[in-house]
C-alpha cells in the first residue's frame, strides 16, 4: 500500500480484510468443490476465534494502533453462522435421512442464498451507521 501511495484508510482496510477469516463462504466453496468440509469448518472456527487475540495484536504491529474487537460478538457470530447450521444439518440427517437425501442437491443453492443474505445484512447495517 505504501508503494501504491494508498491513503491510511485504504491501508487499514487492506490489513483488516487480510486478517478476517473466510467464514461460512469458505465452507460452502469447500462443500461445492467436494473438499474436506470438516477440515474447512475446523480451520474457519479456529481462525475466527483466534481473531479475538490476533486482530488487536496485528493491527498494532502493522498499523500502529489497536483495533478493538468484541469477543462475545465474534464467538456468537461463529456459533450462529458456522456451527449452528452444521448442527442443524446433522440433526436433520439423523431425524429424516430420506428428506435430506432428496434435499441435498438444493443445499448449495440454499448456502449461496444464505451467504448473499448475510453479506447484504452486514452491508446494510454498515450503511445505516
N, C-alpha and C. Protein backbone atom coordinates (compact mmCIF):
# COMPACT_ATOMS: atom_id res chain seq x y z
N UNK A 1 0.83 -1.19 0.00
CA UNK A 1 0.00 0.00 0.00
C UNK A 1 0.87 1.26 0.00
N UNK A 2 2.05 1.16 0.65
CA UNK A 2 2.94 2.33 0.65
C UNK A 2 3.50 2.58 -0.75
N UNK A 3 3.84 1.52 -1.46
CA UNK A 3 4.37 1.65 -2.81
C UNK A 3 3.30 2.22 -3.75
N UNK A 4 2.05 1.80 -3.56
CA UNK A 4 0.96 2.29 -4.40
C UNK A 4 0.49 3.68 -3.99
N UNK A 5 0.98 4.17 -2.85
CA UNK A 5 0.60 5.50 -2.40
C UNK A 5 -0.83 5.59 -1.88
N UNK A 6 -1.32 4.50 -1.30
CA UNK A 6 -2.68 4.50 -0.79
C UNK A 6 -2.79 5.27 0.52
N UNK A 7 -3.95 5.85 0.74
CA UNK A 7 -4.21 6.55 2.00
C UNK A 7 -4.18 5.57 3.17
N UNK A 8 -4.04 6.13 4.35
CA UNK A 8 -4.00 5.32 5.57
C UNK A 8 -5.28 4.49 5.74
N UNK A 9 -6.43 5.05 5.36
CA UNK A 9 -7.69 4.32 5.49
C UNK A 9 -7.71 3.09 4.58
N UNK A 10 -7.21 3.22 3.35
CA UNK A 10 -7.16 2.09 2.44
C UNK A 10 -6.18 1.03 2.96
N UNK A 11 -5.07 1.46 3.51
CA UNK A 11 -4.11 0.53 4.08
C UNK A 11 -4.75 -0.24 5.22
N UNK A 12 -5.44 0.48 6.09
CA UNK A 12 -6.12 -0.18 7.22
C UNK A 12 -7.15 -1.18 6.70
N UNK A 13 -7.90 -0.81 5.67
CA UNK A 13 -8.88 -1.72 5.09
C UNK A 13 -8.25 -2.97 4.52
N UNK A 14 -7.12 -2.81 3.85
CA UNK A 14 -6.41 -3.98 3.30
C UNK A 14 -5.92 -4.89 4.41
N UNK A 15 -5.36 -4.31 5.47
CA UNK A 15 -4.86 -5.10 6.59
C UNK A 15 -6.02 -5.85 7.26
N UNK A 16 -7.12 -5.14 7.51
CA UNK A 16 -8.27 -5.78 8.15
C UNK A 16 -8.85 -6.88 7.29
N UNK A 17 -8.98 -6.65 6.01
CA UNK A 17 -9.51 -7.67 5.11
C UNK A 17 -8.63 -8.91 5.10
N UNK A 18 -7.34 -8.69 5.16
CA UNK A 18 -6.41 -9.82 5.19
C UNK A 18 -6.43 -10.59 6.50
N UNK A 19 -6.93 -9.96 7.57
CA UNK A 19 -6.92 -10.61 8.87
C UNK A 19 -8.20 -11.36 9.20
N UNK A 20 -9.26 -11.18 8.44
CA UNK A 20 -10.51 -11.86 8.77
C UNK A 20 -10.57 -13.21 8.08
N UNK A 21 -11.25 -14.15 8.72
CA UNK A 21 -11.34 -15.49 8.13
C UNK A 21 -12.40 -15.51 7.03
N UNK A 22 -12.39 -16.57 6.28
CA UNK A 22 -13.34 -16.71 5.17
C UNK A 22 -14.76 -16.95 5.62
N UNK A 23 -14.94 -17.40 6.84
CA UNK A 23 -16.27 -17.63 7.37
C UNK A 23 -17.03 -18.69 6.61
N UNK A 24 -18.33 -18.52 6.58
CA UNK A 24 -19.22 -19.50 6.01
C UNK A 24 -18.97 -19.70 4.52
N UNK A 25 -18.56 -18.67 3.82
CA UNK A 25 -18.36 -18.77 2.37
C UNK A 25 -17.28 -19.79 2.03
N UNK A 26 -16.22 -19.84 2.80
CA UNK A 26 -15.16 -20.81 2.50
C UNK A 26 -15.65 -22.24 2.71
N UNK A 27 -16.48 -22.45 3.72
CA UNK A 27 -17.04 -23.79 3.95
C UNK A 27 -17.97 -24.19 2.81
N UNK A 28 -18.75 -23.25 2.33
CA UNK A 28 -19.66 -23.51 1.22
C UNK A 28 -18.87 -23.85 -0.05
N UNK A 29 -17.83 -23.08 -0.33
CA UNK A 29 -16.99 -23.36 -1.51
C UNK A 29 -16.33 -24.73 -1.40
N UNK A 30 -15.89 -25.08 -0.20
CA UNK A 30 -15.28 -26.39 0.02
C UNK A 30 -16.30 -27.49 -0.24
N UNK A 31 -17.53 -27.30 0.24
CA UNK A 31 -18.59 -28.30 0.03
C UNK A 31 -18.89 -28.45 -1.46
N UNK A 32 -19.05 -27.34 -2.16
CA UNK A 32 -19.37 -27.39 -3.60
C UNK A 32 -18.25 -28.06 -4.39
N UNK A 33 -16.99 -27.86 -3.95
CA UNK A 33 -15.84 -28.45 -4.65
C UNK A 33 -15.53 -29.87 -4.19
N UNK A 34 -16.40 -30.45 -3.35
CA UNK A 34 -16.20 -31.80 -2.80
C UNK A 34 -14.89 -31.90 -2.01
N UNK A 35 -14.56 -30.82 -1.31
CA UNK A 35 -13.35 -30.82 -0.49
C UNK A 35 -13.61 -31.37 0.91
N UNK A 36 -12.63 -31.24 1.76
CA UNK A 36 -12.72 -31.72 3.13
C UNK A 36 -13.45 -30.68 3.98
N UNK A 37 -14.77 -30.82 4.08
CA UNK A 37 -15.60 -29.84 4.77
C UNK A 37 -15.28 -29.80 6.26
N UNK A 38 -15.02 -30.95 6.85
CA UNK A 38 -14.69 -30.98 8.29
C UNK A 38 -13.42 -30.16 8.56
N UNK A 39 -12.43 -30.30 7.71
CA UNK A 39 -11.20 -29.50 7.87
C UNK A 39 -11.50 -28.02 7.66
N UNK A 40 -12.30 -27.70 6.67
CA UNK A 40 -12.65 -26.30 6.40
C UNK A 40 -13.38 -25.68 7.59
N UNK A 41 -14.34 -26.40 8.16
CA UNK A 41 -15.08 -25.89 9.32
C UNK A 41 -14.14 -25.70 10.50
N UNK A 42 -13.26 -26.66 10.72
CA UNK A 42 -12.31 -26.56 11.82
C UNK A 42 -11.41 -25.34 11.65
N UNK A 43 -10.87 -25.16 10.44
CA UNK A 43 -9.99 -24.02 10.19
C UNK A 43 -10.74 -22.70 10.30
N UNK A 44 -11.96 -22.65 9.79
CA UNK A 44 -12.76 -21.43 9.88
C UNK A 44 -13.03 -21.07 11.33
N UNK A 45 -13.42 -22.05 12.11
CA UNK A 45 -13.71 -21.81 13.53
C UNK A 45 -12.47 -21.35 14.27
N UNK A 46 -11.36 -22.01 14.04
CA UNK A 46 -10.12 -21.66 14.75
C UNK A 46 -9.60 -20.28 14.34
N UNK A 47 -9.64 -19.97 13.05
CA UNK A 47 -9.15 -18.66 12.63
C UNK A 47 -10.06 -17.54 13.10
N UNK A 48 -11.35 -17.80 13.11
CA UNK A 48 -12.29 -16.78 13.59
C UNK A 48 -12.09 -16.53 15.08
N UNK A 49 -11.97 -17.59 15.85
CA UNK A 49 -11.77 -17.42 17.29
C UNK A 49 -10.39 -16.83 17.61
N UNK A 50 -9.38 -17.17 16.82
CA UNK A 50 -8.06 -16.59 17.07
C UNK A 50 -8.02 -15.10 16.73
N UNK A 51 -8.97 -14.65 15.91
CA UNK A 51 -9.04 -13.23 15.57
C UNK A 51 -9.28 -12.36 16.80
N UNK A 52 -9.90 -12.95 17.83
CA UNK A 52 -10.14 -12.22 19.07
C UNK A 52 -8.83 -11.68 19.63
N UNK A 53 -7.77 -12.47 19.50
CA UNK A 53 -6.46 -12.07 20.04
C UNK A 53 -5.54 -11.48 18.97
N UNK A 54 -5.61 -12.08 17.78
CA UNK A 54 -4.66 -11.70 16.74
C UNK A 54 -4.98 -10.36 16.08
N UNK A 55 -6.26 -10.03 15.92
CA UNK A 55 -6.61 -8.78 15.26
C UNK A 55 -6.06 -7.57 16.01
N UNK A 56 -6.25 -7.46 17.32
CA UNK A 56 -5.65 -6.30 18.02
C UNK A 56 -4.13 -6.30 17.94
N UNK A 57 -3.52 -7.48 18.08
CA UNK A 57 -2.05 -7.57 18.04
C UNK A 57 -1.51 -7.18 16.67
N UNK A 58 -2.06 -7.77 15.61
CA UNK A 58 -1.55 -7.48 14.26
C UNK A 58 -1.87 -6.05 13.83
N UNK A 59 -3.00 -5.52 14.26
CA UNK A 59 -3.29 -4.13 13.91
C UNK A 59 -2.30 -3.19 14.59
N UNK A 60 -1.89 -3.52 15.81
CA UNK A 60 -0.88 -2.71 16.49
C UNK A 60 0.45 -2.79 15.76
N UNK A 61 0.84 -3.99 15.38
CA UNK A 61 2.12 -4.19 14.70
C UNK A 61 2.11 -3.56 13.30
N UNK A 62 1.03 -3.77 12.53
CA UNK A 62 1.00 -3.33 11.14
C UNK A 62 0.49 -1.91 10.92
N UNK A 63 -0.39 -1.45 11.82
CA UNK A 63 -0.99 -0.13 11.64
C UNK A 63 -0.57 0.88 12.70
N UNK A 64 0.03 0.38 13.77
CA UNK A 64 0.48 1.27 14.82
C UNK A 64 -0.59 1.64 15.83
N UNK A 65 -1.76 1.03 15.73
CA UNK A 65 -2.82 1.27 16.72
C UNK A 65 -3.66 0.01 16.88
N UNK A 66 -4.22 -0.14 18.06
CA UNK A 66 -5.03 -1.32 18.35
C UNK A 66 -6.45 -1.10 17.85
N UNK A 67 -6.94 -2.08 17.14
CA UNK A 67 -8.35 -2.07 16.72
C UNK A 67 -9.09 -2.97 17.69
N UNK A 68 -10.04 -2.40 18.44
CA UNK A 68 -10.74 -3.21 19.44
C UNK A 68 -11.66 -4.24 18.79
N UNK A 69 -11.82 -5.35 19.44
CA UNK A 69 -12.75 -6.39 18.99
C UNK A 69 -13.70 -6.70 20.13
N UNK A 70 -14.79 -7.31 19.79
CA UNK A 70 -15.80 -7.69 20.77
C UNK A 70 -15.84 -9.22 20.81
N UNK A 71 -15.13 -9.83 21.76
CA UNK A 71 -15.02 -11.29 21.79
C UNK A 71 -16.35 -12.02 21.81
N UNK A 72 -17.31 -11.53 22.58
CA UNK A 72 -18.60 -12.22 22.65
C UNK A 72 -19.31 -12.17 21.29
N UNK A 73 -19.21 -11.06 20.58
CA UNK A 73 -19.84 -10.94 19.26
C UNK A 73 -19.17 -11.87 18.25
N UNK A 74 -17.85 -11.97 18.32
CA UNK A 74 -17.14 -12.88 17.40
C UNK A 74 -17.51 -14.32 17.70
N UNK A 75 -17.55 -14.68 18.97
CA UNK A 75 -17.91 -16.05 19.35
C UNK A 75 -19.34 -16.37 18.91
N UNK A 76 -20.28 -15.44 19.15
CA UNK A 76 -21.66 -15.68 18.75
C UNK A 76 -21.78 -15.77 17.23
N UNK A 77 -21.05 -14.94 16.52
CA UNK A 77 -21.07 -14.99 15.05
C UNK A 77 -20.59 -16.35 14.57
N UNK A 78 -19.53 -16.86 15.17
CA UNK A 78 -19.00 -18.17 14.79
C UNK A 78 -20.03 -19.26 15.05
N UNK A 79 -20.66 -19.20 16.20
CA UNK A 79 -21.67 -20.21 16.53
C UNK A 79 -22.86 -20.11 15.59
N UNK A 80 -23.37 -18.91 15.39
CA UNK A 80 -24.61 -18.76 14.62
C UNK A 80 -24.43 -18.96 13.12
N UNK A 81 -23.30 -18.57 12.58
CA UNK A 81 -23.11 -18.65 11.13
C UNK A 81 -22.42 -19.94 10.70
N UNK A 82 -21.60 -20.52 11.56
CA UNK A 82 -20.84 -21.71 11.17
C UNK A 82 -21.36 -22.96 11.88
N UNK A 83 -21.41 -22.93 13.19
CA UNK A 83 -21.68 -24.16 13.94
C UNK A 83 -23.16 -24.55 14.02
N UNK A 84 -24.06 -23.60 14.21
CA UNK A 84 -25.49 -23.94 14.28
C UNK A 84 -26.02 -24.56 12.99
N UNK A 85 -25.69 -24.00 11.81
CA UNK A 85 -26.17 -24.65 10.59
C UNK A 85 -25.64 -26.09 10.43
N UNK A 86 -24.42 -26.31 10.85
CA UNK A 86 -23.86 -27.66 10.76
C UNK A 86 -24.58 -28.60 11.72
N UNK A 87 -24.80 -28.14 12.95
CA UNK A 87 -25.54 -28.95 13.94
C UNK A 87 -26.95 -29.25 13.45
N UNK A 88 -27.60 -28.25 12.84
CA UNK A 88 -28.94 -28.46 12.30
C UNK A 88 -28.92 -29.50 11.17
N UNK A 89 -27.93 -29.42 10.31
CA UNK A 89 -27.80 -30.39 9.23
C UNK A 89 -27.58 -31.80 9.74
N UNK A 90 -26.74 -31.95 10.75
CA UNK A 90 -26.50 -33.27 11.34
C UNK A 90 -27.78 -33.80 11.97
N UNK A 91 -28.48 -32.93 12.71
CA UNK A 91 -29.72 -33.32 13.36
C UNK A 91 -30.76 -33.77 12.34
N UNK A 92 -30.95 -32.98 11.28
CA UNK A 92 -31.94 -33.33 10.26
C UNK A 92 -31.54 -34.59 9.50
N UNK A 93 -30.25 -34.81 9.29
CA UNK A 93 -29.79 -36.02 8.60
C UNK A 93 -30.11 -37.27 9.41
N UNK A 94 -30.05 -37.15 10.71
CA UNK A 94 -30.36 -38.31 11.57
C UNK A 94 -31.87 -38.46 11.76
N UNK A 95 -32.58 -37.34 11.82
CA UNK A 95 -34.02 -37.36 12.06
C UNK A 95 -34.79 -37.80 10.81
N UNK A 96 -34.40 -37.28 9.66
CA UNK A 96 -35.12 -37.57 8.41
C UNK A 96 -34.13 -37.77 7.27
N UNK A 97 -33.44 -38.91 7.26
CA UNK A 97 -32.41 -39.11 6.22
C UNK A 97 -32.98 -39.13 4.80
N UNK A 98 -34.20 -39.62 4.62
CA UNK A 98 -34.80 -39.64 3.28
C UNK A 98 -35.05 -38.24 2.76
N UNK A 99 -35.58 -37.38 3.64
CA UNK A 99 -35.83 -36.00 3.25
C UNK A 99 -34.52 -35.29 2.91
N UNK A 100 -33.50 -35.52 3.69
CA UNK A 100 -32.21 -34.87 3.45
C UNK A 100 -31.58 -35.37 2.15
N UNK A 101 -31.79 -36.66 1.84
CA UNK A 101 -31.24 -37.20 0.60
C UNK A 101 -31.86 -36.50 -0.61
N UNK A 102 -33.17 -36.26 -0.55
CA UNK A 102 -33.84 -35.58 -1.66
C UNK A 102 -33.51 -34.09 -1.69
N UNK A 103 -33.24 -33.51 -0.54
CA UNK A 103 -32.94 -32.08 -0.48
C UNK A 103 -31.48 -31.73 -0.73
N UNK A 104 -30.60 -32.73 -0.67
CA UNK A 104 -29.16 -32.49 -0.79
C UNK A 104 -28.76 -31.74 -2.07
N UNK A 105 -29.35 -32.03 -3.23
CA UNK A 105 -28.95 -31.28 -4.44
C UNK A 105 -29.22 -29.78 -4.35
N UNK A 106 -30.15 -29.38 -3.48
CA UNK A 106 -30.51 -27.96 -3.38
C UNK A 106 -29.70 -27.22 -2.32
N UNK A 107 -28.93 -27.95 -1.52
CA UNK A 107 -28.20 -27.32 -0.42
C UNK A 107 -27.17 -26.29 -0.87
N UNK A 108 -26.43 -26.51 -1.97
CA UNK A 108 -25.51 -25.44 -2.40
C UNK A 108 -26.25 -24.14 -2.72
N UNK A 109 -27.41 -24.23 -3.35
CA UNK A 109 -28.20 -23.03 -3.64
C UNK A 109 -28.65 -22.35 -2.35
N UNK A 110 -29.10 -23.14 -1.39
CA UNK A 110 -29.50 -22.60 -0.09
C UNK A 110 -28.31 -21.90 0.57
N UNK A 111 -27.14 -22.52 0.48
CA UNK A 111 -25.93 -21.92 1.05
C UNK A 111 -25.56 -20.61 0.38
N UNK A 112 -25.65 -20.56 -0.94
CA UNK A 112 -25.31 -19.33 -1.67
C UNK A 112 -26.30 -18.22 -1.32
N UNK A 113 -27.58 -18.55 -1.30
CA UNK A 113 -28.59 -17.54 -0.95
C UNK A 113 -28.38 -17.05 0.48
N UNK A 114 -28.10 -17.97 1.40
CA UNK A 114 -27.84 -17.58 2.80
C UNK A 114 -26.63 -16.66 2.90
N UNK A 115 -25.58 -16.99 2.16
CA UNK A 115 -24.37 -16.15 2.18
C UNK A 115 -24.67 -14.76 1.64
N UNK A 116 -25.42 -14.69 0.56
CA UNK A 116 -25.78 -13.38 -0.01
C UNK A 116 -26.60 -12.58 1.00
N UNK A 117 -27.54 -13.22 1.68
CA UNK A 117 -28.35 -12.52 2.67
C UNK A 117 -27.51 -12.03 3.85
N UNK A 118 -26.54 -12.83 4.27
CA UNK A 118 -25.66 -12.41 5.37
C UNK A 118 -24.83 -11.20 4.95
N UNK A 119 -24.29 -11.24 3.74
CA UNK A 119 -23.48 -10.12 3.24
C UNK A 119 -24.35 -8.87 3.10
N UNK A 120 -25.53 -9.02 2.54
CA UNK A 120 -26.45 -7.88 2.39
C UNK A 120 -26.81 -7.30 3.74
N UNK A 121 -27.02 -8.15 4.73
CA UNK A 121 -27.35 -7.67 6.07
C UNK A 121 -26.19 -6.84 6.64
N UNK A 122 -24.97 -7.35 6.50
CA UNK A 122 -23.80 -6.64 7.01
C UNK A 122 -23.61 -5.31 6.29
N UNK A 123 -23.78 -5.32 4.97
CA UNK A 123 -23.61 -4.08 4.20
C UNK A 123 -24.68 -3.07 4.56
N UNK A 124 -25.92 -3.51 4.71
CA UNK A 124 -27.00 -2.58 5.05
C UNK A 124 -26.79 -1.98 6.43
N UNK A 125 -26.30 -2.78 7.38
CA UNK A 125 -26.01 -2.25 8.72
C UNK A 125 -24.90 -1.23 8.68
N UNK A 126 -23.89 -1.45 7.84
CA UNK A 126 -22.77 -0.50 7.78
C UNK A 126 -23.20 0.82 7.14
N UNK A 127 -24.16 0.77 6.23
CA UNK A 127 -24.65 2.00 5.61
C UNK A 127 -25.58 2.79 6.52
N UNK A 128 -26.17 2.11 7.50
CA UNK A 128 -27.04 2.78 8.45
C UNK A 128 -26.25 3.56 9.48
N UNK A 129 -24.99 3.18 9.68
CA UNK A 129 -24.17 3.84 10.70
C UNK A 129 -23.85 5.18 10.25
